Amino acid sequence: MPRRPSITLIALLVTALLFFFFVFSPSSSSSNILQNRQPTAGELKSGQEKPAALLADAKNYDPIEALGKSGGPSQELITGAPIMEHLANETIKAELGRASWKLFHTILAQYPVKPTENERETLSSYIYLFSRVYPCGQCAEHFQKMLKKYPPQTSSREAASQWGCFVHNVVNERLKKPIFDCNEISDKYNCGCGPDDKKNKDASEDKDATPAKKEVAGTESVLGETKIDHAPNDKVRGG
């Protein structure tokens, strides 16, 4: 029986497609097609007090209007309909959702603190292209509807992270899943990336740590395999 494609392989294919679209697509201009909108007080659930303030750049920055100005994908390409078929296998759909949300939040957590216009356009392009090539057609359709209502916020790392948490909670609410505390989102998805000297220091400290210390840190060996605590949205997830 043929092996089912792994989630990692699917993620790599999606990333490759996004890279192709972003690098090789011609730029063009068109009219502003989306209206920015801030969430109302009723839409902001517990733990989401910050996004209301952080989404303020929606008043004077349109991510769609900005696309194509730096030679990236055109507005027409970015705002097209999803190109993937519907996904019927619920198990694969759930696995894909968990992996995608983790990647999504980690990207936003590592986004520049003070991004340039080009960096803002890059993130917006990625998000909109992702909504077209996500390998679950019905999921992509829902995501695109959400992007029209709540466009990406890219003015800073915190704004992007809080926006990502907010839209994830919109999905969680629709699926009747618990609402995640957005005040903790940056810490939960901090991958520890940094300068090489910090990496080398961390690697040296890890090498010197005893097995007992490593076990206390949260990693334990089970039948020769490494068991690592899942990210919070393995428990609280949507999509």
Protein backbone atom coordinates (compact mmCIF):
# COMPACT_ATOMS: atom_id res chain seq x y z
CA MET A 1 0.00 0.00 0.00
CA PRO A 2 1.48 3.44 -0.93
CA ARG A 3 2.72 5.52 1.98
CA ARG A 4 0.73 8.56 2.93
CA PRO A 5 2.66 11.82 2.24
CA SER A 6 4.16 13.17 5.45
CA ILE A 7 3.13 16.52 6.88
CA THR A 8 6.75 17.68 6.57
CA LEU A 9 6.78 16.93 2.84
CA ILE A 10 3.50 18.78 2.35
CA ALA A 11 4.84 21.79 4.26
CA LEU A 12 8.00 21.84 2.12
CA LEU A 13 5.94 21.72 -1.08
CA VAL A 14 3.74 24.58 0.10
CA THR A 15 6.82 26.65 1.00
CA ALA A 16 8.37 25.96 -2.41
CA LEU A 17 5.20 27.07 -4.18
CA LEU A 18 5.07 30.28 -2.15
CA PHE A 19 8.72 31.00 -2.96
CA PHE A 20 8.07 30.46 -6.69
CA PHE A 21 5.05 32.76 -6.73
CA PHE A 22 6.82 35.48 -4.75
CA VAL A 23 10.07 35.53 -6.73
CA PHE A 24 8.85 35.02 -10.28
CA SER A 25 5.52 36.81 -10.37
CA PRO A 26 5.35 40.16 -12.21
CA SER A 27 4.17 43.21 -10.34
CA SER A 28 1.03 45.08 -11.29
CA SER A 29 -1.38 47.56 -9.75
CA SER A 30 -5.11 47.55 -9.22
CA SER A 31 -7.65 49.31 -7.04
CA ASN A 32 -7.99 48.82 -3.33
CA ILE A 33 -10.30 45.82 -3.02
CA LEU A 34 -10.43 45.18 0.69
CA GLN A 35 -11.55 47.35 3.57
CA ASN A 36 -9.58 47.22 6.80
CA ARG A 37 -11.57 46.57 9.92
CA GLN A 38 -10.69 46.39 13.60
CA PRO A 39 -12.37 43.78 15.80
CA THR A 40 -15.21 45.07 17.94
CA ALA A 41 -15.14 44.80 21.71
CA GLY A 42 -17.59 41.92 21.53
CA GLU A 43 -15.35 40.00 19.16
CA LEU A 44 -12.32 40.26 21.41
CA LYS A 45 -12.45 37.40 23.86
CA SER A 46 -10.52 37.01 27.10
CA GLY A 47 -6.79 37.41 26.69
CA GLN A 48 -7.21 39.53 23.56
CA GLU A 49 -7.16 43.03 25.00
CA LYS A 50 -3.93 43.92 23.17
CA PRO A 51 -4.97 43.37 19.54
CA ALA A 52 -7.49 46.24 19.61
CA ALA A 53 -4.62 48.68 20.15
CA LEU A 54 -2.07 46.85 18.04
CA LEU A 55 -4.33 46.71 14.99
CA ALA A 56 -4.40 50.51 14.82
CA ASP A 57 -2.18 50.50 11.72
CA ALA A 58 -5.18 49.07 9.83
CA LYS A 59 -6.51 52.63 9.67
CA ASN A 60 -3.68 53.90 7.47
CA TYR A 61 -2.07 50.83 5.93
CA ASP A 62 -3.69 48.46 3.46
CA PRO A 63 -1.66 45.25 2.95
CA ILE A 64 -3.38 44.60 -0.38
CA GLU A 65 -2.69 48.09 -1.71
CA ALA A 66 0.97 47.74 -0.73
CA LEU A 67 1.49 44.51 -2.66
CA GLY A 68 3.44 44.64 -5.90
CA LYS A 69 5.23 47.91 -5.11
CA SER A 70 8.56 46.18 -4.46
CA GLY A 71 8.47 43.88 -7.45
CA GLY A 72 6.67 41.07 -5.62
CA PRO A 73 3.45 39.27 -6.51
CA SER A 74 0.66 41.34 -8.03
CA GLN A 75 -2.61 42.08 -6.26
CA GLU A 76 -4.42 39.93 -8.81
CA LEU A 77 -2.21 36.94 -8.03
CA ILE A 78 -2.39 37.46 -4.27
CA THR A 79 -6.17 37.79 -4.06
CA GLY A 80 -7.10 34.85 -6.27
CA ALA A 81 -9.20 31.92 -5.10
CA PRO A 82 -7.68 28.80 -3.49
CA ILE A 83 -6.19 26.42 -6.04
CA MET A 84 -6.31 23.24 -3.95
CA GLU A 85 -9.10 20.66 -3.82
CA HIS A 86 -11.15 19.95 -0.71
CA LEU A 87 -9.58 17.59 1.82
CA ALA A 88 -11.91 14.84 3.03
CA ASN A 89 -9.59 12.94 5.39
CA GLU A 90 -10.28 14.45 8.82
CA THR A 91 -7.15 12.94 10.38
CA ILE A 92 -4.84 14.46 7.79
CA LYS A 93 -6.73 17.76 7.96
CA ALA A 94 -6.23 17.93 11.75
CA GLU A 95 -2.51 17.06 11.48
CA LEU A 96 -2.05 19.65 8.76
CA GLY A 97 -3.84 22.27 10.83
CA ARG A 98 -1.64 21.69 13.87
CA ALA A 99 1.57 21.84 11.84
CA SER A 100 0.46 24.91 9.90
CA TRP A 101 -0.60 26.91 12.95
CA LYS A 102 2.73 26.15 14.63
CA LEU A 103 4.64 27.31 11.56
CA PHE A 104 2.39 30.37 11.21
CA HIS A 105 2.82 31.54 14.81
CA THR A 106 6.58 30.86 14.79
CA ILE A 107 7.00 32.99 11.67
CA LEU A 108 5.10 35.87 13.28
CA ALA A 109 7.09 35.50 16.52
CA GLN A 110 10.37 35.87 14.57
CA TYR A 111 9.14 38.67 12.30
CA PRO A 112 11.28 41.86 12.54
CA VAL A 113 10.51 44.15 15.48
CA LYS A 114 10.64 47.21 13.22
CA PRO A 115 10.04 45.91 9.68
CA THR A 116 10.80 47.84 6.51
CA GLU A 117 8.13 48.38 3.85
CA ASN A 118 9.66 45.53 1.85
CA GLU A 119 9.52 43.22 4.87
CA ARG A 120 5.89 44.16 5.51
CA GLU A 121 5.03 43.38 1.90
CA THR A 122 6.92 40.09 2.12
CA LEU A 123 4.89 38.91 5.12
CA SER A 124 1.59 40.02 3.60
CA SER A 125 2.45 38.26 0.33
CA TYR A 126 3.28 35.06 2.17
CA ILE A 127 0.01 35.08 4.12
CA TYR A 128 -2.17 35.74 1.07
CA LEU A 129 -0.33 33.20 -1.10
CA PHE A 130 -0.57 30.68 1.73
CA SER A 131 -4.35 31.13 1.65
CA ARG A 132 -4.33 30.07 -2.01
CA VAL A 133 -2.04 27.02 -1.83
CA TYR A 134 -3.01 25.61 1.58
CA PRO A 135 -3.65 21.91 0.77
CA CYS A 136 -7.20 21.88 2.15
CA GLY A 137 -9.55 23.74 -0.18
CA GLN A 138 -12.39 24.30 2.29
CA CYS A 139 -9.94 25.41 5.00
CA ALA A 140 -8.33 27.87 2.57
CA GLU A 141 -11.74 29.30 1.67
CA HIS A 142 -12.50 29.96 5.35
CA PHE A 143 -9.07 31.53 5.83
CA GLN A 144 -9.56 33.87 2.88
CA LYS A 145 -12.91 35.04 4.25
CA MET A 146 -11.17 35.79 7.52
CA LEU A 147 -8.39 37.74 5.76
CA LYS A 148 -10.99 39.94 4.08
CA LYS A 149 -12.54 40.73 7.44
CA TYR A 150 -9.27 40.98 9.38
CA PRO A 151 -6.35 41.87 7.03
CA PRO A 152 -2.81 41.01 8.18
CA GLN A 153 -1.24 43.50 10.58
CA THR A 154 2.45 43.91 9.81
CA SER A 155 3.59 47.15 11.46
CA SER A 156 5.69 45.29 14.06
CA ARG A 157 6.47 41.85 15.46
CA GLU A 158 4.03 42.33 18.32
CA ALA A 159 1.24 43.53 16.03
CA ALA A 160 1.75 40.55 13.71
CA SER A 161 1.89 38.04 16.58
CA GLN A 162 -1.22 39.44 18.24
CA TRP A 163 -3.07 39.50 14.92
CA GLY A 164 -2.12 35.85 14.31
CA CYS A 165 -3.38 34.89 17.76
CA PHE A 166 -6.61 36.80 17.21
CA VAL A 167 -7.47 35.11 13.89
CA HIS A 168 -6.56 31.71 15.36
CA ASN A 169 -9.00 32.37 18.17
CA VAL A 170 -11.65 33.33 15.61
CA VAL A 171 -11.20 29.83 14.18
CA ASN A 172 -11.21 28.28 17.65
CA GLU A 173 -14.46 30.07 18.44
CA ARG A 174 -16.07 28.84 15.22
CA LEU A 175 -14.99 25.28 16.03
CA LYS A 176 -16.11 25.68 19.66
CA LYS A 177 -12.58 25.21 20.99
CA PRO A 178 -10.97 27.01 23.95
CA ILE A 179 -9.72 30.56 23.44
CA PHE A 180 -5.95 30.97 23.79
CA ASP A 181 -4.49 33.76 25.94
CA CYS A 182 -2.85 36.10 23.44
CA ASN A 183 -0.72 37.70 26.14
CA GLU A 184 1.41 34.52 26.11
CA ILE A 185 1.66 34.00 22.35
CA SER A 186 5.14 35.53 21.86
CA ASP A 187 6.70 33.48 24.63
CA LYS A 188 5.06 30.23 23.54
CA TYR A 189 6.39 30.46 19.99
CA ASN A 190 9.82 31.95 20.67
CA CYS A 191 12.10 29.47 18.89
CA GLY A 192 15.22 30.82 20.60
CA CYS A 193 16.73 32.08 17.35
CA GLY A 194 19.45 34.69 17.73
CA PRO A 195 23.05 35.63 16.92
CA ASP A 196 25.58 32.85 16.38
CA ASP A 197 27.42 33.65 19.62
CA LYS A 198 24.23 33.08 21.62
CA LYS A 199 23.63 29.81 19.77
CA ASN A 200 27.16 28.64 20.51
CA LYS A 201 26.79 29.54 24.19
CA ASP A 202 23.51 27.67 24.45
CA ALA A 203 25.00 24.65 22.67
CA SER A 204 27.96 24.64 25.06
CA GLU A 205 25.71 24.81 28.11
CA ASP A 206 23.55 22.00 26.75
CA LYS A 207 26.63 19.85 26.12
CA ASP A 208 27.80 20.32 29.70
CA ALA A 209 24.39 19.55 31.19
CA THR A 210 24.00 16.21 32.92
CA PRO A 211 21.25 13.76 31.88
CA ALA A 212 19.43 14.59 35.11
CA LYS A 213 19.39 18.28 34.25
CA LYS A 214 18.09 17.57 30.76
CA GLU A 215 15.29 15.46 32.15
CA VAL A 216 14.30 18.25 34.53
CA ALA A 217 14.25 20.61 31.55
CA GLY A 218 11.31 18.66 30.11
CA THR A 219 12.84 16.08 27.78
CA GLU A 220 12.83 12.41 28.66
CA SER A 221 13.71 9.21 26.83
CA VAL A 222 10.90 6.76 26.25
CA LEU A 223 11.82 3.41 24.67
CA GLY A 224 14.73 4.98 22.84
CA GLU A 225 12.63 7.81 21.40
CA THR A 226 12.69 11.44 22.45
CA LYS A 227 9.47 12.79 23.87
CA ILE A 228 9.11 16.56 23.65
CA ASP A 229 6.29 18.68 25.05
CA HIS A 230 3.95 19.89 22.30
CA ALA A 231 3.30 23.55 21.57
CA PRO A 232 0.18 24.95 23.29
CA ASN A 233 -1.88 24.93 20.12
CA ASP A 234 -1.56 21.15 19.89
CA LYS A 235 -4.21 21.34 22.59
CA VAL A 236 -5.89 24.55 21.51
CA ARG A 237 -6.05 24.58 17.77
CA GLY A 238 -8.28 25.37 14.89
CA GLY A 239 -8.54 24.47 11.24
